[in-house]
Amino acid sequence: MSTISLRIPESLHQHLRELAKKEGTSINQLITTAVAEKISALSTEDYLANRADRASRARFEEALSHVADAEPEPHDKL
């Protein structure tokens, strides 16, 4: 486990205290979770961009050509 020193405005620190108390957790755990969520969001964005770069309209249409042309189930209709 690593330790970092973080400087944040007092108003933000106060919000952290209040949220941590409301959530029944420590400020450290709240910040750790927030950082993990942000890393996950940015990683997902990169992953989707990489997948989009590999996409092909022709392969998409080929995959769709294998789908049966049938009426949707009643619960799937708009």
N, C-alpha and C. Protein backbone atom coordinates (compact mmCIF):
# COMPACT_ATOMS: atom_id res chain seq x y z
N MET A 1 0.85 -1.17 0.00
CA MET A 1 0.00 0.00 0.00
C MET A 1 0.89 1.23 0.00
N SER A 2 0.52 2.22 -0.79
CA SER A 2 1.28 3.46 -0.90
C SER A 2 0.59 4.58 -0.15
N THR A 3 1.37 5.56 0.20
CA THR A 3 0.86 6.74 0.88
C THR A 3 1.15 7.95 0.01
N ILE A 4 0.15 8.84 -0.12
CA ILE A 4 0.37 10.09 -0.84
C ILE A 4 -0.09 11.25 0.04
N SER A 5 0.50 12.38 -0.19
CA SER A 5 0.08 13.59 0.48
C SER A 5 -0.72 14.39 -0.53
N LEU A 6 -1.93 14.76 -0.15
CA LEU A 6 -2.82 15.43 -1.09
C LEU A 6 -3.26 16.77 -0.51
N ARG A 7 -3.11 17.81 -1.30
CA ARG A 7 -3.55 19.14 -0.88
C ARG A 7 -4.85 19.46 -1.62
N ILE A 8 -5.89 19.73 -0.85
CA ILE A 8 -7.18 20.07 -1.44
C ILE A 8 -7.76 21.27 -0.69
N PRO A 9 -8.61 22.03 -1.34
CA PRO A 9 -9.23 23.17 -0.67
C PRO A 9 -10.06 22.71 0.54
N GLU A 10 -10.13 23.56 1.54
CA GLU A 10 -10.85 23.23 2.77
C GLU A 10 -12.32 22.89 2.48
N SER A 11 -12.93 23.61 1.54
CA SER A 11 -14.34 23.35 1.24
C SER A 11 -14.53 21.93 0.69
N LEU A 12 -13.62 21.48 -0.15
CA LEU A 12 -13.70 20.12 -0.68
C LEU A 12 -13.45 19.09 0.42
N HIS A 13 -12.52 19.39 1.30
CA HIS A 13 -12.24 18.51 2.42
C HIS A 13 -13.48 18.37 3.32
N GLN A 14 -14.17 19.47 3.53
CA GLN A 14 -15.38 19.44 4.34
C GLN A 14 -16.44 18.56 3.69
N HIS A 15 -16.60 18.69 2.37
CA HIS A 15 -17.55 17.84 1.65
C HIS A 15 -17.16 16.37 1.79
N LEU A 16 -15.86 16.08 1.70
CA LEU A 16 -15.39 14.71 1.87
C LEU A 16 -15.74 14.17 3.26
N ARG A 17 -15.50 14.99 4.28
CA ARG A 17 -15.84 14.57 5.65
C ARG A 17 -17.32 14.23 5.76
N GLU A 18 -18.16 15.11 5.21
CA GLU A 18 -19.60 14.90 5.31
C GLU A 18 -20.04 13.64 4.55
N LEU A 19 -19.51 13.47 3.34
CA LEU A 19 -19.87 12.30 2.55
C LEU A 19 -19.39 11.01 3.21
N ALA A 20 -18.17 11.03 3.71
CA ALA A 20 -17.62 9.84 4.37
C ALA A 20 -18.48 9.47 5.58
N LYS A 21 -18.86 10.48 6.35
CA LYS A 21 -19.70 10.22 7.52
C LYS A 21 -21.05 9.65 7.08
N LYS A 22 -21.64 10.26 6.06
CA LYS A 22 -22.94 9.80 5.54
C LYS A 22 -22.85 8.36 5.04
N GLU A 23 -21.75 8.03 4.37
CA GLU A 23 -21.56 6.69 3.80
C GLU A 23 -21.05 5.69 4.83
N GLY A 24 -20.67 6.18 6.00
CA GLY A 24 -20.16 5.28 7.05
C GLY A 24 -18.80 4.70 6.70
N THR A 25 -17.96 5.52 6.08
CA THR A 25 -16.63 5.06 5.68
C THR A 25 -15.61 6.15 6.00
N SER A 26 -14.36 5.84 5.76
CA SER A 26 -13.31 6.84 6.01
C SER A 26 -13.12 7.71 4.76
N ILE A 27 -12.50 8.87 4.99
CA ILE A 27 -12.17 9.74 3.86
C ILE A 27 -11.22 9.02 2.92
N ASN A 28 -10.25 8.29 3.47
CA ASN A 28 -9.30 7.55 2.63
C ASN A 28 -10.03 6.56 1.73
N GLN A 29 -10.97 5.81 2.30
CA GLN A 29 -11.69 4.83 1.50
C GLN A 29 -12.56 5.50 0.45
N LEU A 30 -13.16 6.62 0.80
CA LEU A 30 -13.98 7.37 -0.16
C LEU A 30 -13.13 7.86 -1.34
N ILE A 31 -11.98 8.40 -1.05
CA ILE A 31 -11.08 8.87 -2.11
C ILE A 31 -10.57 7.70 -2.95
N THR A 32 -10.21 6.60 -2.31
CA THR A 32 -9.75 5.41 -3.03
C THR A 32 -10.81 4.91 -3.99
N THR A 33 -12.05 4.87 -3.54
CA THR A 33 -13.15 4.42 -4.38
C THR A 33 -13.38 5.38 -5.54
N ALA A 34 -13.31 6.68 -5.27
CA ALA A 34 -13.51 7.69 -6.31
C ALA A 34 -12.41 7.59 -7.37
N VAL A 35 -11.18 7.39 -6.96
CA VAL A 35 -10.07 7.25 -7.90
C VAL A 35 -10.25 5.98 -8.74
N ALA A 36 -10.64 4.89 -8.09
CA ALA A 36 -10.87 3.63 -8.81
C ALA A 36 -11.98 3.78 -9.85
N GLU A 37 -13.05 4.48 -9.48
CA GLU A 37 -14.15 4.71 -10.43
C GLU A 37 -13.69 5.55 -11.62
N LYS A 38 -12.89 6.56 -11.37
CA LYS A 38 -12.39 7.42 -12.45
C LYS A 38 -11.46 6.64 -13.37
N ILE A 39 -10.58 5.84 -12.79
CA ILE A 39 -9.67 5.02 -13.60
C ILE A 39 -10.49 4.05 -14.46
N SER A 40 -11.50 3.46 -13.88
CA SER A 40 -12.36 2.53 -14.62
C SER A 40 -13.05 3.23 -15.78
N ALA A 41 -13.58 4.42 -15.53
CA ALA A 41 -14.27 5.17 -16.59
C ALA A 41 -13.32 5.52 -17.73
N LEU A 42 -12.12 5.98 -17.40
CA LEU A 42 -11.16 6.34 -18.44
C LEU A 42 -10.66 5.11 -19.19
N SER A 43 -10.46 4.02 -18.48
CA SER A 43 -10.03 2.77 -19.13
C SER A 43 -11.12 2.26 -20.07
N THR A 44 -12.35 2.36 -19.66
CA THR A 44 -13.46 1.92 -20.50
C THR A 44 -13.54 2.77 -21.76
N GLU A 45 -13.34 4.05 -21.60
CA GLU A 45 -13.34 4.96 -22.75
C GLU A 45 -12.25 4.55 -23.75
N ASP A 46 -11.06 4.26 -23.26
CA ASP A 46 -9.97 3.82 -24.13
C ASP A 46 -10.30 2.48 -24.80
N TYR A 47 -10.85 1.55 -24.03
CA TYR A 47 -11.20 0.23 -24.55
C TYR A 47 -12.22 0.36 -25.69
N LEU A 48 -13.26 1.17 -25.46
CA LEU A 48 -14.29 1.33 -26.49
C LEU A 48 -13.74 2.05 -27.73
N ALA A 49 -12.86 3.00 -27.54
CA ALA A 49 -12.25 3.68 -28.68
C ALA A 49 -11.40 2.71 -29.50
N ASN A 50 -10.66 1.84 -28.82
CA ASN A 50 -9.85 0.84 -29.52
C ASN A 50 -10.74 -0.14 -30.28
N ARG A 51 -11.84 -0.56 -29.67
CA ARG A 51 -12.77 -1.46 -30.35
C ARG A 51 -13.38 -0.77 -31.57
N ALA A 52 -13.74 0.50 -31.43
CA ALA A 52 -14.33 1.24 -32.55
C ALA A 52 -13.34 1.37 -33.70
N ASP A 53 -12.07 1.54 -33.39
CA ASP A 53 -11.05 1.64 -34.43
C ASP A 53 -10.93 0.36 -35.25
N ARG A 54 -11.24 -0.78 -34.62
CA ARG A 54 -11.14 -2.07 -35.30
C ARG A 54 -12.44 -2.44 -36.02
N ALA A 55 -13.47 -1.62 -35.86
CA ALA A 55 -14.79 -1.93 -36.41
C ALA A 55 -14.78 -1.86 -37.94
N SER A 56 -15.71 -2.60 -38.50
CA SER A 56 -15.84 -2.61 -39.96
C SER A 56 -17.33 -2.68 -40.30
N ARG A 57 -17.77 -1.79 -41.13
CA ARG A 57 -19.18 -1.79 -41.56
C ARG A 57 -19.51 -3.10 -42.29
N ALA A 58 -18.57 -3.59 -43.09
CA ALA A 58 -18.80 -4.83 -43.84
C ALA A 58 -18.98 -6.01 -42.88
N ARG A 59 -18.15 -6.10 -41.85
CA ARG A 59 -18.30 -7.22 -40.89
C ARG A 59 -19.60 -7.09 -40.11
N PHE A 60 -20.00 -5.85 -39.80
CA PHE A 60 -21.26 -5.62 -39.10
C PHE A 60 -22.43 -6.11 -39.96
N GLU A 61 -22.43 -5.72 -41.21
CA GLU A 61 -23.51 -6.13 -42.11
C GLU A 61 -23.50 -7.64 -42.34
N GLU A 62 -22.31 -8.24 -42.38
CA GLU A 62 -22.21 -9.70 -42.50
C GLU A 62 -22.85 -10.38 -41.29
N ALA A 63 -22.57 -9.88 -40.12
CA ALA A 63 -23.17 -10.46 -38.90
C ALA A 63 -24.68 -10.30 -38.93
N LEU A 64 -25.17 -9.13 -39.35
CA LEU A 64 -26.61 -8.90 -39.42
C LEU A 64 -27.29 -9.82 -40.44
N SER A 65 -26.56 -10.21 -41.46
CA SER A 65 -27.16 -11.07 -42.50
C SER A 65 -27.51 -12.45 -41.95
N HIS A 66 -26.97 -12.81 -40.82
CA HIS A 66 -27.24 -14.12 -40.20
C HIS A 66 -28.42 -14.06 -39.23
N VAL A 67 -28.96 -12.89 -39.02
CA VAL A 67 -30.09 -12.73 -38.10
C VAL A 67 -31.38 -12.97 -38.88
N ALA A 68 -32.22 -13.82 -38.30
CA ALA A 68 -33.48 -14.15 -38.98
C ALA A 68 -34.36 -12.91 -39.11
N ASP A 69 -35.05 -12.82 -40.24
CA ASP A 69 -35.99 -11.72 -40.47
C ASP A 69 -37.34 -12.15 -39.93
N ALA A 70 -37.58 -11.84 -38.66
CA ALA A 70 -38.81 -12.28 -38.01
C ALA A 70 -39.39 -11.14 -37.20
N GLU A 71 -40.67 -11.22 -36.95
CA GLU A 71 -41.35 -10.23 -36.11
C GLU A 71 -40.81 -10.35 -34.68
N PRO A 72 -40.66 -9.24 -33.99
CA PRO A 72 -40.19 -9.31 -32.59
C PRO A 72 -41.27 -9.92 -31.70
N GLU A 73 -40.83 -10.45 -30.57
CA GLU A 73 -41.76 -10.97 -29.57
C GLU A 73 -42.64 -9.82 -29.12
N PRO A 74 -43.85 -10.10 -28.66
CA PRO A 74 -44.76 -9.00 -28.23
C PRO A 74 -44.13 -8.08 -27.18
N HIS A 75 -43.37 -8.63 -26.26
CA HIS A 75 -42.78 -7.79 -25.22
C HIS A 75 -41.61 -6.94 -25.72
N ASP A 76 -41.12 -7.23 -26.95
CA ASP A 76 -40.02 -6.45 -27.54
C ASP A 76 -40.49 -5.38 -28.52
N LYS A 77 -41.79 -5.36 -28.81
CA LYS A 77 -42.31 -4.37 -29.77
C LYS A 77 -42.38 -3.00 -29.12
N LEU A 78 -42.21 -2.01 -29.94
CA LEU A 78 -42.31 -0.62 -29.45
C LEU A 78 -43.77 -0.22 -29.35
